[in-house]
Structure formats: structure tokens, C-alpha cells
Protein backbone atom coordinates (compact mmCIF):
# COMPACT_ATOMS: atom_id res chain seq x y z
CA MET A 1 0.19 -0.13 -0.02
CA GLY A 2 2.38 3.12 1.14
CA GLY A 3 5.18 1.51 -0.02
CA CYS A 4 4.93 2.67 -3.40
CA LEU A 5 3.28 6.39 -2.01
CA LEU A 6 6.70 6.68 0.19
CA ARG A 7 9.01 5.65 -2.64
CA ARG A 8 7.63 8.62 -4.79
CA GLY A 9 7.84 11.18 -2.09
CA LEU A 10 3.79 11.07 -1.08
CA GLY A 11 2.44 11.32 2.38
CA GLY A 12 -1.28 9.95 2.06
CA ILE A 13 -3.60 7.87 0.71
CA ALA A 14 -7.42 8.02 0.50
CA PHE A 15 -9.43 5.08 0.97
CA CYS A 16 -13.22 5.02 -0.12
CA CYS A 17 -16.26 2.57 0.91
CA ILE A 18 -15.47 0.33 -2.06
CA SER A 19 -18.40 -1.94 -3.08
CA THR A 20 -20.73 -0.93 -0.09
CA GLY A 21 -23.20 1.15 -2.15
CA VAL A 22 -25.40 -0.35 -4.91
CA PHE A 23 -23.18 -3.45 -4.79
CA GLY A 24 -24.21 -4.11 -1.38
CA PHE A 25 -20.99 -5.19 0.74
CA PRO A 26 -21.75 -5.03 4.48
CA ARG A 27 -20.68 -1.25 5.60
CA ASP A 28 -19.22 -2.48 9.13
CA GLU A 29 -17.51 -5.59 7.46
CA ALA A 30 -16.05 -3.50 5.00
CA ALA A 31 -14.87 -0.92 7.39
CA HIS A 32 -13.32 -3.55 9.73
CA ILE A 33 -11.27 -4.84 6.75
CA ALA A 34 -10.29 -1.66 5.59
CA VAL A 35 -9.17 -0.67 9.58
CA ARG A 36 -7.22 -3.90 10.20
CA THR A 37 -5.42 -3.67 7.23
CA VAL A 38 -4.19 0.16 7.50
CA ARG A 39 -3.33 -0.85 10.96
CA ALA A 40 -1.27 -3.87 10.24
CA TRP A 41 0.48 -1.93 7.28
CA LEU A 42 1.24 1.04 9.75
CA ASP A 43 2.38 -1.45 12.26
CA ALA A 44 4.67 -2.95 10.12
CA HIS A 45 6.10 0.24 9.16
CA PRO A 46 6.65 2.17 12.30
CA SER A 47 8.81 5.11 10.98
CA ALA A 48 6.31 5.67 7.81
CA CYS A 49 4.95 9.25 8.06
CA LEU A 50 1.44 8.55 6.23
CA ARG A 51 -1.63 9.86 6.48
CA VAL A 52 -4.81 8.00 6.02
CA ILE A 53 -8.14 9.08 5.10
CA PHE A 54 -11.23 7.24 4.83
CA ASN A 55 -13.56 8.73 2.51
CA VAL A 56 -17.45 7.80 3.58
CA PHE A 57 -20.52 8.31 1.67
CA PHE A 58 -22.97 8.21 4.45
CA ASP A 59 -23.39 9.57 8.00
CA GLU A 60 -23.78 5.56 9.13
CA ASP A 61 -20.24 4.87 7.22
CA ALA A 62 -18.73 7.39 9.43
CA ALA A 63 -20.07 6.39 12.52
CA ILE A 64 -18.61 2.60 11.77
CA TYR A 65 -15.14 4.37 11.14
CA ARG A 66 -15.33 6.71 14.04
CA HIS A 67 -16.08 3.76 16.31
CA LEU A 68 -13.40 1.36 14.90
CA LEU A 69 -10.58 4.37 14.90
CA SER A 70 -11.18 5.30 18.21
CA ALA A 71 -10.83 1.81 19.47
């Protein structure tokens, strides 16, 4: 994920709620996968200074991410 960004000198990445809209993937599950994956990458690269943005479409999505990110 971030390795390519860091090699190019970029400091951030944004992820949207892929497939949770009309494709119907469960919002809660998608958020858990996204947060878990990003945290694992950041834990494996402690010296990386990378800003991660989770771009959400609905208030429900924002609430899910706020809950997960506050834990």
C-alpha cells in the first residue's frame, strides 16, 4: 500500500467505501477490513509518516469508522 507512495515522496492515501453502495457489501465488514489492513501496514512500517483518509458516503459509514478508529 504505502510503499509505493513513500517511494514517490507522497504522504497520504484515501480509501473510499468500495462496494458498500449499490453492490451491497456490508458496511461494517468493509470498515473492519479497511481499518485492520491499514493498522497492520502502519504497525509493520513504524517509521512511515503516512496520512490515511477513509472517505465515506453516508453518516452511518462515518459512525462505523469513528467507532473503529477510536478503539
